[in-house]
């Protein structure tokens, strides 16, 4: 599982915000794998992210 799968998942669901757990469930992948790929996508500014009400939890969305 790589960045492309996570990126494509967010792209297919452009209007929704997802946590890493929701993305992992949708892709049937491990949370650790999704988290590592999300970090890389955040550094390259390919996705939007925002903090949730929970400490150290973020939601992610495809950048239009």
PDB file of N, CA and C in Angstrom:
ATOM      1  N   UNK A   1       0.846  -1.179   0.000  1.00  0.00           N
ATOM      2  CA  UNK A   1       0.000   0.000   0.000  1.00  0.00           C
ATOM      3  C   UNK A   1       0.886   1.234   0.000  1.00  0.00           C
ATOM      4  N   UNK A   2       0.556   2.185  -0.871  1.00  0.00           N
ATOM      5  CA  UNK A   2       1.385   3.375  -0.977  1.00  0.00           C
ATOM      6  C   UNK A   2       0.578   4.659  -0.959  1.00  0.00           C
ATOM      7  N   UNK A   3       1.307   5.743  -1.160  1.00  0.00           N
ATOM      8  CA  UNK A   3       0.687   7.061  -1.161  1.00  0.00           C
ATOM      9  C   UNK A   3      -0.402   7.178  -2.219  1.00  0.00           C
ATOM     10  N   UNK A   4      -0.182   6.557  -3.356  1.00  0.00           N
ATOM     11  CA  UNK A   4      -1.130   6.680  -4.459  1.00  0.00           C
ATOM     12  C   UNK A   4      -2.506   6.138  -4.084  1.00  0.00           C
ATOM     13  N   UNK A   5      -2.536   5.013  -3.369  1.00  0.00           N
ATOM     14  CA  UNK A   5      -3.827   4.451  -2.954  1.00  0.00           C
ATOM     15  C   UNK A   5      -4.575   5.385  -2.007  1.00  0.00           C
ATOM     16  N   UNK A   6      -3.846   5.976  -1.054  1.00  0.00           N
ATOM     17  CA  UNK A   6      -4.470   6.919  -0.116  1.00  0.00           C
ATOM     18  C   UNK A   6      -4.951   8.152  -0.871  1.00  0.00           C
ATOM     19  N   UNK A   7      -4.107   8.662  -1.756  1.00  0.00           N
ATOM     20  CA  UNK A   7      -4.452   9.840  -2.560  1.00  0.00           C
ATOM     21  C   UNK A   7      -5.688   9.568  -3.416  1.00  0.00           C
ATOM     22  N   UNK A   8      -5.734   8.416  -4.056  1.00  0.00           N
ATOM     23  CA  UNK A   8      -6.889   8.058  -4.894  1.00  0.00           C
ATOM     24  C   UNK A   8      -8.159   7.894  -4.065  1.00  0.00           C
ATOM     25  N   UNK A   9      -8.032   7.329  -2.872  1.00  0.00           N
ATOM     26  CA  UNK A   9      -9.196   7.170  -1.994  1.00  0.00           C
ATOM     27  C   UNK A   9      -9.780   8.538  -1.638  1.00  0.00           C
ATOM     28  N   UNK A  10      -8.916   9.484  -1.274  1.00  0.00           N
ATOM     29  CA  UNK A  10      -9.383  10.834  -0.941  1.00  0.00           C
ATOM     30  C   UNK A  10      -9.946  11.532  -2.179  1.00  0.00           C
ATOM     31  N   UNK A  11      -9.338  11.289  -3.322  1.00  0.00           N
ATOM     32  CA  UNK A  11      -9.804  11.903  -4.567  1.00  0.00           C
ATOM     33  C   UNK A  11     -11.191  11.391  -4.954  1.00  0.00           C
ATOM     34  N   UNK A  12     -11.456  10.115  -4.722  1.00  0.00           N
ATOM     35  CA  UNK A  12     -12.762   9.533  -5.052  1.00  0.00           C
ATOM     36  C   UNK A  12     -13.860  10.063  -4.127  1.00  0.00           C
ATOM     37  N   UNK A  13     -13.477  10.521  -2.940  1.00  0.00           N
ATOM     38  CA  UNK A  13     -14.422  11.026  -1.945  1.00  0.00           C
ATOM     39  C   UNK A  13     -14.100  12.486  -1.633  1.00  0.00           C
ATOM     40  N   UNK A  14     -14.074  13.331  -2.658  1.00  0.00           N
ATOM     41  CA  UNK A  14     -13.594  14.705  -2.556  1.00  0.00           C
ATOM     42  C   UNK A  14     -14.307  15.561  -1.518  1.00  0.00           C
ATOM     43  N   UNK A  15     -15.580  15.314  -1.275  1.00  0.00           N
ATOM     44  CA  UNK A  15     -16.350  16.218  -0.426  1.00  0.00           C
ATOM     45  C   UNK A  15     -16.322  15.857   1.053  1.00  0.00           C
ATOM     46  N   UNK A  16     -15.666  14.773   1.411  1.00  0.00           N
ATOM     47  CA  UNK A  16     -15.690  14.293   2.796  1.00  0.00           C
ATOM     48  C   UNK A  16     -14.330  14.433   3.469  1.00  0.00           C
ATOM     49  N   UNK A  17     -14.365  14.585   4.791  1.00  0.00           N
ATOM     50  CA  UNK A  17     -13.173  14.581   5.626  1.00  0.00           C
ATOM     51  C   UNK A  17     -13.067  13.205   6.269  1.00  0.00           C
ATOM     52  N   UNK A  18     -11.845  12.677   6.374  1.00  0.00           N
ATOM     53  CA  UNK A  18     -11.614  11.342   6.924  1.00  0.00           C
ATOM     54  C   UNK A  18     -10.482  11.359   7.942  1.00  0.00           C
ATOM     55  N   UNK A  19     -10.613  10.525   8.985  1.00  0.00           N
ATOM     56  CA  UNK A  19      -9.498  10.276   9.892  1.00  0.00           C
ATOM     57  C   UNK A  19      -8.657   9.150   9.287  1.00  0.00           C
ATOM     58  N   UNK A  20      -7.468   8.947   9.831  1.00  0.00           N
ATOM     59  CA  UNK A  20      -6.630   7.855   9.315  1.00  0.00           C
ATOM     60  C   UNK A  20      -7.309   6.503   9.524  1.00  0.00           C
ATOM     61  N   UNK A  21      -8.045   6.365  10.612  1.00  0.00           N
ATOM     62  CA  UNK A  21      -8.745   5.100  10.878  1.00  0.00           C
ATOM     63  C   UNK A  21      -9.816   4.846   9.828  1.00  0.00           C
ATOM     64  N   UNK A  22     -10.546   5.876   9.444  1.00  0.00           N
ATOM     65  CA  UNK A  22     -11.579   5.713   8.421  1.00  0.00           C
ATOM     66  C   UNK A  22     -10.966   5.372   7.068  1.00  0.00           C
ATOM     67  N   UNK A  23      -9.846   5.998   6.745  1.00  0.00           N
ATOM     68  CA  UNK A  23      -9.152   5.704   5.485  1.00  0.00           C
ATOM     69  C   UNK A  23      -8.655   4.260   5.495  1.00  0.00           C
ATOM     70  N   UNK A  24      -8.061   3.847   6.613  1.00  0.00           N
ATOM     71  CA  UNK A  24      -7.559   2.475   6.735  1.00  0.00           C
ATOM     72  C   UNK A  24      -8.688   1.463   6.569  1.00  0.00           C
ATOM     73  N   UNK A  25      -9.827   1.727   7.176  1.00  0.00           N
ATOM     74  CA  UNK A  25     -10.973   0.821   7.033  1.00  0.00           C
ATOM     75  C   UNK A  25     -11.463   0.785   5.591  1.00  0.00           C
ATOM     76  N   UNK A  26     -11.508   1.932   4.936  1.00  0.00           N
ATOM     77  CA  UNK A  26     -11.960   2.005   3.554  1.00  0.00           C
ATOM     78  C   UNK A  26     -11.044   1.287   2.583  1.00  0.00           C
ATOM     79  N   UNK A  27      -9.755   1.315   2.871  1.00  0.00           N
ATOM     80  CA  UNK A  27      -8.765   0.671   1.999  1.00  0.00           C
ATOM     81  C   UNK A  27      -8.415  -0.741   2.450  1.00  0.00           C
ATOM     82  N   UNK A  28      -8.956  -1.148   3.593  1.00  0.00           N
ATOM     83  CA  UNK A  28      -8.615  -2.448   4.188  1.00  0.00           C
ATOM     84  C   UNK A  28      -7.101  -2.580   4.356  1.00  0.00           C
ATOM     85  N   UNK A  29      -6.516  -1.533   4.960  1.00  0.00           N
ATOM     86  CA  UNK A  29      -5.073  -1.479   5.199  1.00  0.00           C
ATOM     87  C   UNK A  29      -4.834  -1.183   6.675  1.00  0.00           C
ATOM     88  N   UNK A  30      -3.588  -1.308   7.116  1.00  0.00           N
ATOM     89  CA  UNK A  30      -3.277  -1.021   8.516  1.00  0.00           C
ATOM     90  C   UNK A  30      -3.241   0.491   8.754  1.00  0.00           C
ATOM     91  N   UNK A  31      -3.569   0.880   9.975  1.00  0.00           N
ATOM     92  CA  UNK A  31      -3.557   2.302  10.334  1.00  0.00           C
ATOM     93  C   UNK A  31      -2.133   2.859  10.239  1.00  0.00           C
ATOM     94  N   UNK A  32      -1.150   2.066  10.635  1.00  0.00           N
ATOM     95  CA  UNK A  32       0.251   2.510  10.575  1.00  0.00           C
ATOM     96  C   UNK A  32       0.688   2.811   9.162  1.00  0.00           C
ATOM     97  N   UNK A  33       0.318   1.978   8.233  1.00  0.00           N
ATOM     98  CA  UNK A  33       0.668   2.184   6.828  1.00  0.00           C
ATOM     99  C   UNK A  33       0.011   3.449   6.285  1.00  0.00           C
ATOM    100  N   UNK A  34      -1.267   3.635   6.615  1.00  0.00           N
ATOM    101  CA  UNK A  34      -1.988   4.836   6.161  1.00  0.00           C
ATOM    102  C   UNK A  34      -1.361   6.077   6.784  1.00  0.00           C
ATOM    103  N   UNK A  35      -1.030   6.019   8.070  1.00  0.00           N
ATOM    104  CA  UNK A  35      -0.433   7.168   8.764  1.00  0.00           C
ATOM    105  C   UNK A  35       0.876   7.582   8.113  1.00  0.00           C
ATOM    106  N   UNK A  36       1.731   6.615   7.794  1.00  0.00           N
ATOM    107  CA  UNK A  36       3.009   6.934   7.148  1.00  0.00           C
ATOM    108  C   UNK A  36       2.803   7.596   5.787  1.00  0.00           C
ATOM    109  N   UNK A  37       1.852   7.105   5.023  1.00  0.00           N
ATOM    110  CA  UNK A  37       1.589   7.685   3.703  1.00  0.00           C
ATOM    111  C   UNK A  37       0.928   9.051   3.809  1.00  0.00           C
ATOM    112  N   UNK A  38       0.081   9.247   4.810  1.00  0.00           N
ATOM    113  CA  UNK A  38      -0.545  10.556   5.037  1.00  0.00           C
ATOM    114  C   UNK A  38       0.522  11.598   5.362  1.00  0.00           C
ATOM    115  N   UNK A  39       1.498  11.227   6.180  1.00  0.00           N
ATOM    116  CA  UNK A  39       2.588  12.155   6.530  1.00  0.00           C
ATOM    117  C   UNK A  39       3.313  12.634   5.279  1.00  0.00           C
ATOM    118  N   UNK A  40       3.584  11.720   4.373  1.00  0.00           N
ATOM    119  CA  UNK A  40       4.277  12.080   3.128  1.00  0.00           C
ATOM    120  C   UNK A  40       3.409  12.989   2.266  1.00  0.00           C
ATOM    121  N   UNK A  41       2.102  12.695   2.193  1.00  0.00           N
ATOM    122  CA  UNK A  41       1.198  13.530   1.404  1.00  0.00           C
ATOM    123  C   UNK A  41       1.051  14.923   2.024  1.00  0.00           C
ATOM    124  N   UNK A  42       1.059  15.008   3.352  1.00  0.00           N
ATOM    125  CA  UNK A  42       0.988  16.314   4.016  1.00  0.00           C
ATOM    126  C   UNK A  42       2.226  17.151   3.696  1.00  0.00           C
ATOM    127  N   UNK A  43       3.402  16.526   3.716  1.00  0.00           N
ATOM    128  CA  UNK A  43       4.642  17.251   3.424  1.00  0.00           C
ATOM    129  C   UNK A  43       4.666  17.781   1.991  1.00  0.00           C
ATOM    130  N   UNK A  44       4.063  17.046   1.075  1.00  0.00           N
ATOM    131  CA  UNK A  44       4.052  17.478  -0.319  1.00  0.00           C
ATOM    132  C   UNK A  44       2.864  18.394  -0.637  1.00  0.00           C
ATOM    133  N   UNK A  45       2.054  18.715   0.375  1.00  0.00           N
ATOM    134  CA  UNK A  45       0.907  19.625   0.247  1.00  0.00           C
ATOM    135  C   UNK A  45      -0.130  19.166  -0.779  1.00  0.00           C
ATOM    136  N   UNK A  46      -0.317  17.871  -0.922  1.00  0.00           N
ATOM    137  CA  UNK A  46      -1.289  17.339  -1.869  1.00  0.00           C
ATOM    138  C   UNK A  46      -2.672  17.161  -1.261  1.00  0.00           C
ATOM    139  N   UNK A  47      -2.758  17.224   0.076  1.00  0.00           N
ATOM    140  CA  UNK A  47      -4.044  17.057   0.749  1.00  0.00           C
ATOM    141  C   UNK A  47      -4.229  18.154   1.792  1.00  0.00           C
ATOM    142  N   UNK A  48      -5.491  18.427   2.123  1.00  0.00           N
ATOM    143  CA  UNK A  48      -5.816  19.353   3.201  1.00  0.00           C
ATOM    144  C   UNK A  48      -5.964  18.571   4.489  1.00  0.00           C
ATOM    145  N   UNK A  49      -5.677  19.214   5.613  1.00  0.00           N
ATOM    146  CA  UNK A  49      -5.906  18.577   6.900  1.00  0.00           C
ATOM    147  C   UNK A  49      -6.342  19.614   7.910  1.00  0.00           C
ATOM    148  N   UNK A  50      -7.076  19.138   8.926  1.00  0.00           N
ATOM    149  CA  UNK A  50      -7.533  20.009  10.003  1.00  0.00           C
ATOM    150  C   UNK A  50      -7.567  19.203  11.290  1.00  0.00           C
ATOM    151  N   UNK A  51      -7.429  19.903  12.400  1.00  0.00           N
ATOM    152  CA  UNK A  51      -7.481  19.249  13.704  1.00  0.00           C
ATOM    153  C   UNK A  51      -8.932  18.954  14.067  1.00  0.00           C
ATOM    154  N   UNK A  52      -9.132  17.885  14.809  1.00  0.00           N
ATOM    155  CA  UNK A  52     -10.464  17.565  15.327  1.00  0.00           C
ATOM    156  C   UNK A  52     -10.521  18.003  16.785  1.00  0.00           C
ATOM    157  N   UNK A  53     -11.627  17.746  17.423  1.00  0.00           N
ATOM    158  CA  UNK A  53     -11.769  18.117  18.836  1.00  0.00           C
ATOM    159  C   UNK A  53     -10.927  17.212  19.748  1.00  0.00           C
ATOM    160  N   UNK A  54     -10.513  16.070  19.234  1.00  0.00           N
ATOM    161  CA  UNK A  54      -9.673  15.154  20.011  1.00  0.00           C
ATOM    162  C   UNK A  54      -8.204  15.545  19.867  1.00  0.00           C
ATOM    163  N   UNK A  55      -7.457  15.402  20.936  1.00  0.00           N
ATOM    164  CA  UNK A  55      -6.044  15.753  20.941  1.00  0.00           C
ATOM    165  C   UNK A  55      -5.258  14.867  19.968  1.00  0.00           C
ATOM    166  N   UNK A  56      -4.416  15.487  19.181  1.00  0.00           N
ATOM    167  CA  UNK A  56      -3.542  14.795  18.224  1.00  0.00           C
ATOM    168  C   UNK A  56      -4.291  13.977  17.178  1.00  0.00           C
ATOM    169  N   UNK A  57      -5.501  14.382  16.839  1.00  0.00           N
ATOM    170  CA  UNK A  57      -6.234  13.696  15.771  1.00  0.00           C
ATOM    171  C   UNK A  57      -6.564  14.706  14.682  1.00  0.00           C
ATOM    172  N   UNK A  58      -6.363  14.284  13.443  1.00  0.00           N
ATOM    173  CA  UNK A  58      -6.615  15.153  12.302  1.00  0.00           C
ATOM    174  C   UNK A  58      -7.563  14.475  11.331  1.00  0.00           C
ATOM    175  N   UNK A  59      -8.182  15.292  10.505  1.00  0.00           N
ATOM    176  CA  UNK A  59      -9.007  14.797   9.405  1.00  0.00           C
ATOM    177  C   UNK A  59      -8.356  15.256   8.111  1.00  0.00           C
ATOM    178  N   UNK A  60      -8.525  14.469   7.077  1.00  0.00           N
ATOM    179  CA  UNK A  60      -7.871  14.727   5.800  1.00  0.00           C
ATOM    180  C   UNK A  60      -8.884  14.769   4.672  1.00  0.00           C
ATOM    181  N   UNK A  61      -8.561  15.569   3.660  1.00  0.00           N
ATOM    182  CA  UNK A  61      -9.445  15.747   2.518  1.00  0.00           C
ATOM    183  C   UNK A  61      -8.613  16.016   1.276  1.00  0.00           C
ATOM    184  N   UNK A  62      -9.123  15.597   0.141  1.00  0.00           N
ATOM    185  CA  UNK A  62      -8.452  15.865  -1.139  1.00  0.00           C
ATOM    186  C   UNK A  62      -8.408  17.370  -1.385  1.00  0.00           C
ATOM    187  N   UNK A  63      -7.267  17.855  -1.817  1.00  0.00           N
ATOM    188  CA  UNK A  63      -7.110  19.283  -2.114  1.00  0.00           C
ATOM    189  C   UNK A  63      -7.601  19.558  -3.525  1.00  0.00           C
ATOM    190  N   UNK A  64      -8.628  20.389  -3.626  1.00  0.00           N
ATOM    191  CA  UNK A  64      -9.212  20.699  -4.945  1.00  0.00           C
ATOM    192  C   UNK A  64      -8.339  21.608  -5.763  1.00  0.00           C
TER     193      UNK A  64
END
